[in-house]
């Protein structure tokens, strides 16, 4: 497994403390939320608009249908709520993503360190059973750690995800997060706060694992090329580049689940579970329906992940350097 300031390895004294991972995650999450919220809002509105258009098929109101594009969606938002309307939902996004990102990075670090510390116990056994070399096993540790961390944290923060999607949508026009919360509990019960978790898990957990797998792979290759050719490239530039490539790959693979998650959270009565949603989307829009909103997600998700990881690693590196400097001063 590639070693980074973020990942660490084992229980050594030089390993960054949890506060470093929490701070790095919080700072990176906040930055990403504020910068990219308009893209998230537009994606939600586009997926909702295309869902509404699909429901108008085979009715007498077909003439009311309107082709929604990124441009028309932006125009509708600005016309209704002004330019500031593009940041609608920023507060619930921050409430969810800042602590969520902080907890995710901290959990991920602990899982990676636990895997690393127990490697001598399970690695020989796995190698004998599967015939897979130690080096190949270590490459897939990132995949397992990312999936596990994101799945656990995603469940804990699922109510905030549902509130965020409902608040961003103009189907409800909630005046506040509290109003959204009360409405969901009143009409859908506490269970409604976890609507779409199946699709969210299938999207976010594999995304995290796939992203981390490719992120560490491309970062390792870039650092190797940098050392071989003695090129003065900043670490943050390498991290951003690796993050964009890894994020693009993971986004394309998990896009169908993002679209289904949004519909299940907007209207759980029509889209009650993954299988019913899959069937309905396929019947209404065919295979292309599963990639509804992918252009916006490709514009946002790889960039969001790259920004988050680049900032996170720089913050953790800062903590590591400060701790090292303090240790040397004490000596």
Protein backbone atom coordinates (compact mmCIF):
# COMPACT_ATOMS: atom_id res chain seq x y z
CA UNK A 1 0.00 0.00 0.00
CA UNK A 2 1.31 3.41 -0.86
CA UNK A 3 2.30 5.33 2.22
CA UNK A 4 1.12 8.88 2.54
CA UNK A 5 0.91 11.54 5.15
CA UNK A 6 -2.77 10.72 5.24
CA UNK A 7 -2.59 6.97 5.38
CA UNK A 8 0.20 6.25 7.76
CA UNK A 9 1.20 2.73 8.51
CA UNK A 10 1.27 0.74 11.69
CA UNK A 11 1.31 2.14 15.16
CA UNK A 12 4.58 4.04 14.99
CA UNK A 13 5.32 7.17 16.95
CA UNK A 14 5.50 9.25 13.75
CA UNK A 15 1.93 8.44 12.78
CA UNK A 16 -0.25 11.60 12.76
CA UNK A 17 -2.71 11.84 15.64
CA UNK A 18 -6.49 11.59 15.02
CA UNK A 19 -6.82 15.37 15.50
CA UNK A 20 -4.75 15.85 12.35
CA UNK A 21 -7.11 13.67 10.31
CA UNK A 22 -10.20 15.29 11.83
CA UNK A 23 -8.90 18.80 11.11
CA UNK A 24 -7.74 17.90 7.61
CA UNK A 25 -11.08 16.30 6.80
CA UNK A 26 -13.08 19.23 8.18
CA UNK A 27 -11.06 21.88 6.32
CA UNK A 28 -11.15 19.95 3.04
CA UNK A 29 -14.86 19.22 3.40
CA UNK A 30 -15.72 22.85 4.06
CA UNK A 31 -13.70 24.09 1.08
CA UNK A 32 -15.21 21.56 -1.29
CA UNK A 33 -18.77 22.26 -0.11
CA UNK A 34 -18.60 26.01 -0.65
CA UNK A 35 -16.80 25.85 -3.98
CA UNK A 36 -18.89 23.13 -5.62
CA UNK A 37 -22.38 23.42 -4.10
CA UNK A 38 -23.88 25.03 -7.26
CA UNK A 39 -22.94 21.95 -9.31
CA UNK A 40 -24.52 19.66 -6.73
CA UNK A 41 -27.72 21.71 -6.69
CA UNK A 42 -27.98 21.77 -10.50
CA UNK A 43 -27.42 18.00 -10.65
CA UNK A 44 -30.27 17.38 -8.21
CA UNK A 45 -32.61 19.70 -10.12
CA UNK A 46 -31.73 18.11 -13.47
CA UNK A 47 -32.35 14.59 -12.20
CA UNK A 48 -35.64 15.72 -10.69
CA UNK A 49 -36.72 17.56 -13.86
CA UNK A 50 -36.05 14.55 -16.05
CA UNK A 51 -37.95 12.38 -13.61
CA UNK A 52 -40.93 14.77 -13.81
CA UNK A 53 -40.75 14.80 -17.60
CA UNK A 54 -40.82 11.01 -17.67
CA UNK A 55 -44.03 11.01 -15.61
CA UNK A 56 -45.71 13.25 -18.19
CA UNK A 57 -45.35 10.67 -20.92
CA UNK A 58 -48.58 9.13 -22.20
CA UNK A 59 -50.66 11.92 -20.66
CA UNK A 60 -52.69 14.75 -22.18
CA UNK A 61 -50.22 17.30 -20.77
CA UNK A 62 -47.31 16.26 -22.94
CA UNK A 63 -47.17 19.77 -24.41
CA UNK A 64 -46.16 21.05 -20.98
CA UNK A 65 -42.98 19.06 -21.11
CA UNK A 66 -39.81 21.08 -21.32
CA UNK A 67 -36.31 20.05 -22.30
CA UNK A 68 -34.14 20.69 -19.29
CA UNK A 69 -30.44 21.30 -19.79
CA UNK A 70 -27.74 22.63 -17.52
CA UNK A 71 -28.24 26.12 -18.94
CA UNK A 72 -32.04 26.18 -18.58
CA UNK A 73 -31.74 24.79 -15.06
CA UNK A 74 -29.30 27.54 -14.07
CA UNK A 75 -31.58 30.16 -15.64
CA UNK A 76 -34.61 28.81 -13.73
CA UNK A 77 -32.73 28.86 -10.42
CA UNK A 78 -31.38 32.39 -10.93
CA UNK A 79 -34.75 33.67 -12.13
CA UNK A 80 -36.55 32.26 -9.09
CA UNK A 81 -33.98 32.79 -6.33
CA UNK A 82 -31.31 35.06 -7.77
CA UNK A 83 -27.64 34.18 -8.13
CA UNK A 84 -27.47 33.30 -4.43
CA UNK A 85 -30.01 30.56 -5.17
CA UNK A 86 -27.21 28.53 -6.74
CA UNK A 87 -25.90 28.00 -3.21
CA UNK A 88 -29.27 26.83 -1.85
CA UNK A 89 -28.65 23.83 0.35
CA UNK A 90 -25.13 24.88 1.30
CA UNK A 91 -25.94 24.78 5.02
CA UNK A 92 -27.28 21.19 5.03
CA UNK A 93 -24.39 20.22 2.75
CA UNK A 94 -21.90 21.66 5.24
CA UNK A 95 -23.74 20.09 8.18
CA UNK A 96 -23.43 16.72 6.48
CA UNK A 97 -20.13 16.91 4.62
CA UNK A 98 -17.82 18.72 7.03
CA UNK A 99 -18.22 16.33 9.99
CA UNK A 100 -18.80 13.51 7.50
CA UNK A 101 -15.52 14.13 5.69
CA UNK A 102 -13.67 14.56 8.98
CA UNK A 103 -15.07 11.31 10.38
CA UNK A 104 -14.46 9.49 7.10
CA UNK A 105 -10.79 10.43 6.86
CA UNK A 106 -10.22 9.60 10.53
CA UNK A 107 -12.03 6.26 10.24
CA UNK A 108 -10.19 5.46 7.02
CA UNK A 109 -6.83 6.18 8.65
CA UNK A 110 -7.64 3.93 11.61
CA UNK A 111 -8.81 1.10 9.34
CA UNK A 112 -5.69 1.34 7.18
CA UNK A 113 -3.48 1.32 10.26
CA UNK A 114 -5.37 -1.68 11.70
CA UNK A 115 -4.93 -3.58 8.43
CA UNK A 116 -1.26 -2.68 8.34
CA UNK A 117 -0.70 -3.71 11.97
CA UNK A 118 -2.39 -7.10 11.47
CA UNK A 119 -0.80 -7.80 8.10
CA UNK A 120 1.72 -10.30 9.43
CA UNK A 121 -1.14 -12.42 10.80
CA UNK A 122 -3.50 -12.70 7.84
CA UNK A 123 -1.25 -12.03 4.84
CA UNK A 124 0.56 -15.41 4.80
CA UNK A 125 -2.75 -17.26 5.21
CA UNK A 126 -4.41 -15.33 2.38
CA UNK A 127 -1.39 -15.88 0.17
CA UNK A 128 -1.51 -19.65 0.71
CA UNK A 129 -5.26 -19.84 0.09
CA UNK A 130 -5.45 -17.57 -2.96
CA UNK A 131 -1.92 -17.71 -4.33
CA UNK A 132 -1.90 -13.90 -4.51
CA UNK A 133 1.45 -12.27 -3.72
CA UNK A 134 1.92 -9.96 -0.74
CA UNK A 135 2.43 -6.97 -3.04
CA UNK A 136 -0.86 -7.50 -4.85
CA UNK A 137 -2.70 -8.01 -1.56
CA UNK A 138 -1.43 -4.68 -0.28
CA UNK A 139 -2.68 -2.90 -3.41
CA UNK A 140 -6.23 -4.01 -2.65
CA UNK A 141 -6.10 -2.94 1.00
CA UNK A 142 -7.01 0.59 -0.10
CA UNK A 143 -10.10 -0.76 -1.88
CA UNK A 144 -11.27 -2.64 1.22
CA UNK A 145 -10.47 0.23 3.61
CA UNK A 146 -12.28 2.80 1.46
CA UNK A 147 -15.42 0.67 1.10
CA UNK A 148 -15.57 -0.15 4.82
CA UNK A 149 -15.01 3.41 6.04
CA UNK A 150 -17.47 5.02 3.62
CA UNK A 151 -20.18 2.42 4.23
CA UNK A 152 -20.05 2.90 8.00
CA UNK A 153 -19.86 6.70 7.96
CA UNK A 154 -22.51 6.91 5.23
CA UNK A 155 -25.06 5.09 7.39
CA UNK A 156 -24.44 7.36 10.37
CA UNK A 157 -24.89 10.49 8.23
CA UNK A 158 -27.73 9.20 6.04
CA UNK A 159 -30.42 11.46 7.60
CA UNK A 160 -28.38 14.54 6.65
CA UNK A 161 -28.06 13.22 3.10
CA UNK A 162 -31.83 12.88 2.77
CA UNK A 163 -32.40 16.34 4.26
CA UNK A 164 -29.86 17.81 1.84
CA UNK A 165 -31.49 16.29 -1.26
CA UNK A 166 -35.02 17.26 -0.20
CA UNK A 167 -33.92 20.80 0.70
CA UNK A 168 -32.16 21.29 -2.64
CA UNK A 169 -35.17 20.04 -4.60
CA UNK A 170 -37.94 22.47 -5.58
CA UNK A 171 -40.52 19.69 -5.22
CA UNK A 172 -40.93 20.66 -1.57
CA UNK A 173 -39.61 24.22 -1.21
CA UNK A 174 -38.83 23.77 2.47
CA UNK A 175 -38.09 26.99 4.31
CA UNK A 176 -35.58 25.41 6.68
CA UNK A 177 -33.86 22.15 7.54
CA UNK A 178 -36.08 21.80 10.60
CA UNK A 179 -39.18 22.05 8.41
CA UNK A 180 -37.75 19.41 6.08
CA UNK A 181 -36.98 17.13 9.03
CA UNK A 182 -40.47 17.45 10.51
CA UNK A 183 -42.13 16.84 7.15
CA UNK A 184 -40.10 13.71 6.42
CA UNK A 185 -40.77 12.21 9.85
CA UNK A 186 -44.47 13.12 9.66
CA UNK A 187 -45.16 11.59 6.24
CA UNK A 188 -42.48 8.90 5.94
CA UNK A 189 -41.55 8.19 9.54
CA UNK A 190 -38.03 7.85 10.90
CA UNK A 191 -37.48 5.29 8.15
CA UNK A 192 -37.78 8.11 5.61
CA UNK A 193 -34.56 9.64 6.95
CA UNK A 194 -32.74 6.59 5.61
CA UNK A 195 -34.48 6.48 2.21
CA UNK A 196 -32.08 5.48 -0.52
CA UNK A 197 -29.37 4.11 1.78
CA UNK A 198 -29.07 0.96 -0.33
CA UNK A 199 -28.34 2.98 -3.48
CA UNK A 200 -26.20 5.40 -1.49
CA UNK A 201 -24.11 2.55 -0.09
CA UNK A 202 -23.72 0.90 -3.49
CA UNK A 203 -22.63 4.27 -4.90
CA UNK A 204 -20.49 5.73 -2.11
CA UNK A 205 -18.77 2.66 -0.68
CA UNK A 206 -17.46 1.35 -4.03
CA UNK A 207 -16.69 4.92 -5.11
CA UNK A 208 -14.51 5.43 -2.03
CA UNK A 209 -12.73 2.12 -2.55
CA UNK A 210 -12.24 2.54 -6.29
CA UNK A 211 -11.16 6.15 -5.83
CA UNK A 212 -8.59 5.31 -3.16
CA UNK A 213 -7.27 2.35 -5.17
CA UNK A 214 -6.62 4.47 -8.28
CA UNK A 215 -5.62 7.57 -6.32
CA UNK A 216 -2.76 5.79 -4.56
CA UNK A 217 -1.81 3.99 -7.78
CA UNK A 218 -1.55 7.14 -9.91
CA UNK A 219 0.05 9.15 -7.12
CA UNK A 220 2.69 6.47 -6.68
CA UNK A 221 3.39 6.43 -10.41
CA UNK A 222 3.63 10.23 -10.55
CA UNK A 223 5.98 10.38 -7.58
CA UNK A 224 8.12 7.67 -9.14
CA UNK A 225 8.32 9.61 -12.40
CA UNK A 226 9.13 12.78 -10.45
CA UNK A 227 12.01 11.10 -8.61
CA UNK A 228 13.33 9.38 -11.73
CA UNK A 229 13.45 12.56 -13.80
CA UNK A 230 14.20 14.90 -10.88
CA UNK A 231 11.31 17.21 -11.84
CA UNK A 232 10.32 19.88 -9.26
CA UNK A 233 6.58 19.19 -9.11
CA UNK A 234 4.71 20.22 -5.97
CA UNK A 235 3.10 17.43 -3.94
CA UNK A 236 -0.26 19.22 -4.04
CA UNK A 237 -0.16 19.25 -7.87
CA UNK A 238 0.50 15.51 -7.98
CA UNK A 239 -2.30 14.85 -5.49
CA UNK A 240 -4.77 16.98 -7.45
CA UNK A 241 -3.90 15.30 -10.74
CA UNK A 242 -4.14 11.80 -9.29
CA UNK A 243 -7.40 12.75 -7.60
CA UNK A 244 -9.05 13.99 -10.80
CA UNK A 245 -8.12 10.84 -12.75
CA UNK A 246 -9.20 8.52 -9.92
CA UNK A 247 -12.40 10.50 -9.35
CA UNK A 248 -13.36 10.38 -13.03
CA UNK A 249 -12.97 6.59 -13.10
CA UNK A 250 -14.94 6.02 -9.91
CA UNK A 251 -17.68 8.48 -10.95
CA UNK A 252 -18.38 6.76 -14.26
CA UNK A 253 -18.62 3.34 -12.60
CA UNK A 254 -20.99 4.46 -9.82
CA UNK A 255 -23.17 7.00 -11.71
CA UNK A 256 -26.28 4.76 -12.05
CA UNK A 257 -26.51 4.46 -8.29
CA UNK A 258 -26.21 8.21 -7.80
CA UNK A 259 -29.19 8.77 -10.07
CA UNK A 260 -31.26 6.08 -8.33
CA UNK A 261 -30.31 7.43 -4.90
CA UNK A 262 -31.60 10.89 -5.81
CA UNK A 263 -34.95 9.60 -7.06
CA UNK A 264 -35.42 7.30 -4.07
CA UNK A 265 -34.80 10.18 -1.67
CA UNK A 266 -37.01 12.65 -3.54
CA UNK A 267 -39.98 10.30 -3.86
CA UNK A 268 -39.69 7.10 -1.80
CA UNK A 269 -43.31 6.18 -2.52
CA UNK A 270 -42.69 5.87 -6.27
CA UNK A 271 -39.13 4.61 -5.86
CA UNK A 272 -39.28 2.46 -2.68
CA UNK A 273 -36.17 0.34 -3.20
CA UNK A 274 -33.27 -0.33 -5.56
CA UNK A 275 -34.98 -3.04 -7.59
CA UNK A 276 -38.22 -1.11 -8.12
CA UNK A 277 -36.24 2.00 -9.03
CA UNK A 278 -34.05 0.09 -11.48
CA UNK A 279 -37.09 -1.39 -13.21
CA UNK A 280 -38.97 1.91 -13.42
CA UNK A 281 -35.99 3.90 -14.71
CA UNK A 282 -35.25 1.27 -17.36
CA UNK A 283 -38.88 1.15 -18.54
CA UNK A 284 -39.18 4.95 -18.67
CA UNK A 285 -35.78 5.98 -20.04
CA UNK A 286 -33.84 2.87 -21.00
CA UNK A 287 -30.16 2.40 -20.21
CA UNK A 288 -29.38 6.09 -20.80
CA UNK A 289 -31.66 6.97 -17.89
CA UNK A 290 -29.14 5.50 -15.46
CA UNK A 291 -26.59 8.08 -16.56
CA UNK A 292 -28.89 11.05 -16.09
CA UNK A 293 -26.82 13.92 -14.68
CA UNK A 294 -23.44 12.30 -15.31
CA UNK A 295 -22.00 15.38 -17.04
CA UNK A 296 -22.57 17.48 -13.91
CA UNK A 297 -21.33 14.74 -11.64
CA UNK A 298 -18.19 14.42 -13.77
CA UNK A 299 -17.73 18.17 -13.45
CA UNK A 300 -18.14 18.07 -9.69
CA UNK A 301 -17.22 14.71 -8.14
CA UNK A 302 -13.65 14.21 -9.43
CA UNK A 303 -12.86 17.84 -8.64
CA UNK A 304 -14.48 17.59 -5.21
CA UNK A 305 -12.56 14.44 -4.34
CA UNK A 306 -9.30 15.86 -5.68
CA UNK A 307 -9.69 19.10 -3.71
CA UNK A 308 -10.66 17.23 -0.55
CA UNK A 309 -7.73 14.81 -0.71
CA UNK A 310 -5.17 17.45 -1.72
CA UNK A 311 -6.16 19.78 1.14
CA UNK A 312 -6.49 16.91 3.60
CA UNK A 313 -3.02 15.56 2.87
CA UNK A 314 -1.48 19.03 3.13
CA UNK A 315 -3.12 19.63 6.52
CA UNK A 316 -1.98 16.22 7.81
CA UNK A 317 1.53 16.90 6.47
CA UNK A 318 1.50 20.25 8.28
CA UNK A 319 0.61 18.52 11.56
CA UNK A 320 3.34 15.92 10.99
CA UNK A 321 6.00 18.56 10.32
CA UNK A 322 4.93 20.60 13.34
CA UNK A 323 5.04 17.55 15.55
CA UNK A 324 8.49 16.64 14.25
CA UNK A 325 9.73 20.20 14.84
CA UNK A 326 8.38 20.16 18.40
CA UNK A 327 10.09 16.82 19.05
CA UNK A 328 13.41 18.14 17.81
CA UNK A 329 13.04 21.28 19.93
CA UNK A 330 12.34 19.17 23.01
CA UNK A 331 15.56 17.25 22.38
